[in-house]
Amino acid sequence: MKVLLVSGDPRSREAMQMAVAGVQSPDEVEFLEATNGERGVALAWEALPEVVIADEIVSRAGAFSLAHDLRGAPKPFDGRIIILLERAQDAWLAEWSGADAWFVKPVDPLELSAKVRELVAEEAA
């Protein structure tokens, strides 16, 4: 399984990785990283990960823009997109952007890993 982590904060990417690493054995998960939304979109199209997890604020092209660009493409991105929100009031933006799920930070790593498992299982079905 490929998982793309998008955040300008290395600690945030590390926390995402640790949460997702509990989903499967480490040799079954390939992590890709992008420090901003623009690079995240490019890497998503290049690598076609099953899951993209993006911080709400990742630069000029934030997580909402990233999700909207991937979902709004002529052939929409097939992977699952999870956005980590700074505040609960932004949930409507996550939904508008086409994200499959969102969490308000700080994120419970067990909830995040459970959601990744759920979304990947839905995709496989």
Protein backbone atom coordinates (compact mmCIF):
# COMPACT_ATOMS: atom_id res chain seq x y z
CA MET A 1 0.00 0.00 0.00
CA LYS A 2 1.31 3.47 -0.90
CA VAL A 3 0.50 6.36 1.43
CA LEU A 4 1.30 9.97 0.56
CA LEU A 5 1.86 12.27 3.56
CA VAL A 6 1.55 15.99 2.82
CA SER A 7 2.69 18.53 5.40
CA GLY A 8 5.28 21.25 5.72
CA ASP A 9 5.92 20.10 9.29
CA PRO A 10 8.26 17.09 9.54
CA ARG A 11 6.84 16.22 12.98
CA SER A 12 3.35 16.08 11.52
CA ARG A 13 4.49 13.78 8.70
CA GLU A 14 6.24 11.58 11.26
CA ALA A 15 3.08 11.38 13.42
CA MET A 16 0.99 10.48 10.36
CA GLN A 17 3.48 7.79 9.42
CA MET A 18 3.52 6.30 12.91
CA ALA A 19 -0.29 6.18 12.98
CA VAL A 20 -0.56 4.53 9.57
CA ALA A 21 2.31 2.12 10.26
CA GLY A 22 -0.01 0.33 12.67
CA VAL A 23 -2.33 -0.52 9.76
CA GLN A 24 -0.06 -3.13 8.18
CA SER A 25 3.40 -4.50 8.67
CA PRO A 26 6.09 -1.91 7.79
CA ASP A 27 7.25 -3.82 4.71
CA GLU A 28 3.73 -3.60 3.24
CA VAL A 29 3.49 0.20 3.45
CA GLU A 30 5.43 2.56 1.22
CA PHE A 31 5.43 6.14 2.47
CA LEU A 32 5.83 9.08 0.12
CA GLU A 33 6.22 12.63 1.42
CA ALA A 34 5.50 16.09 0.09
CA THR A 35 6.11 19.34 1.95
CA ASN A 36 3.46 21.35 0.12
CA GLY A 37 0.18 20.89 -1.72
CA GLU A 38 1.57 21.57 -5.18
CA ARG A 39 4.18 18.83 -4.79
CA GLY A 40 1.53 16.62 -3.18
CA VAL A 41 -0.74 16.86 -6.24
CA ALA A 42 2.15 16.11 -8.60
CA LEU A 43 3.33 13.16 -6.50
CA ALA A 44 -0.22 11.80 -6.18
CA TRP A 45 -0.58 11.67 -9.96
CA GLU A 46 2.92 10.27 -10.40
CA ALA A 47 2.77 7.52 -7.75
CA LEU A 48 -1.02 6.92 -7.51
CA PRO A 49 -1.07 6.13 -3.77
CA GLU A 50 -4.05 4.37 -2.23
CA VAL A 51 -4.24 7.03 0.50
CA VAL A 52 -3.28 10.70 0.72
CA ILE A 53 -3.18 12.31 4.18
CA ALA A 54 -2.74 16.09 4.12
CA ASP A 55 -2.45 18.80 6.76
CA GLU A 56 -4.98 21.58 6.25
CA ILE A 57 -2.23 24.18 6.04
CA VAL A 58 0.60 22.98 3.83
CA SER A 59 1.51 26.18 1.91
CA ARG A 60 -0.08 28.25 -0.83
CA ALA A 61 -1.83 25.16 -2.17
CA GLY A 62 -3.32 23.72 0.99
CA ALA A 63 -5.02 20.40 1.66
CA PHE A 64 -8.40 21.66 0.43
CA SER A 65 -6.87 22.76 -2.86
CA LEU A 66 -4.96 19.49 -3.14
CA ALA A 67 -8.12 17.40 -2.65
CA HIS A 68 -10.19 19.61 -4.94
CA ASP A 69 -7.56 19.44 -7.71
CA LEU A 70 -7.31 15.64 -7.45
CA ARG A 71 -11.07 15.08 -7.34
CA GLY A 72 -11.87 17.72 -9.95
CA ALA A 73 -9.53 16.36 -12.63
CA PRO A 74 -11.09 15.09 -15.88
CA LYS A 75 -10.39 11.56 -14.61
CA PRO A 76 -10.75 11.97 -10.83
CA PHE A 77 -8.09 10.59 -8.50
CA ASP A 78 -9.11 7.12 -7.31
CA GLY A 79 -7.23 7.04 -4.00
CA ARG A 80 -8.65 8.01 -0.65
CA ILE A 81 -7.99 11.49 0.76
CA ILE A 82 -7.89 12.37 4.45
CA ILE A 83 -7.46 15.96 5.65
CA LEU A 84 -6.19 16.95 9.08
CA LEU A 85 -8.04 20.11 10.11
CA GLU A 86 -6.88 22.93 12.34
CA ARG A 87 -10.46 23.59 13.51
CA ALA A 88 -13.80 21.79 13.39
CA GLN A 89 -15.45 24.71 11.54
CA ASP A 90 -13.47 23.77 8.41
CA ALA A 91 -15.21 20.40 8.02
CA TRP A 92 -17.47 21.85 5.33
CA LEU A 93 -14.37 22.80 3.30
CA ALA A 94 -13.04 19.26 3.61
CA GLU A 95 -16.35 17.91 2.35
CA TRP A 96 -16.49 20.49 -0.46
CA SER A 97 -12.96 19.60 -1.55
CA GLY A 98 -13.85 15.94 -2.01
CA ALA A 99 -12.00 14.48 0.97
CA ASP A 100 -13.16 11.04 2.06
CA ALA A 101 -12.53 11.77 5.74
CA TRP A 102 -11.16 14.47 8.01
CA PHE A 103 -10.02 14.84 11.59
CA VAL A 104 -9.47 17.86 13.83
CA LYS A 105 -5.92 18.04 15.19
CA PRO A 106 -4.56 16.72 17.42
CA VAL A 107 -5.52 13.45 15.79
CA ASP A 108 -5.88 10.25 17.75
CA PRO A 109 -3.45 7.90 15.95
CA LEU A 110 -5.72 4.91 16.59
CA GLU A 111 -8.67 6.68 14.95
CA LEU A 112 -6.53 7.67 11.97
CA SER A 113 -5.19 4.15 11.46
CA ALA A 114 -8.71 2.70 11.79
CA LYS A 115 -10.01 5.15 9.16
CA VAL A 116 -7.16 4.28 6.78
CA ARG A 117 -7.96 0.57 7.20
CA GLU A 118 -11.66 1.24 6.61
CA LEU A 119 -11.11 3.35 3.49
CA VAL A 120 -8.62 0.91 1.96
CA ALA A 121 -11.01 -1.99 2.63
CA GLU A 122 -13.87 -0.07 0.96
CA GLU A 123 -11.69 0.61 -2.07
CA ALA A 124 -10.70 -3.06 -2.33
CA ALA A 125 -14.34 -4.24 -2.14
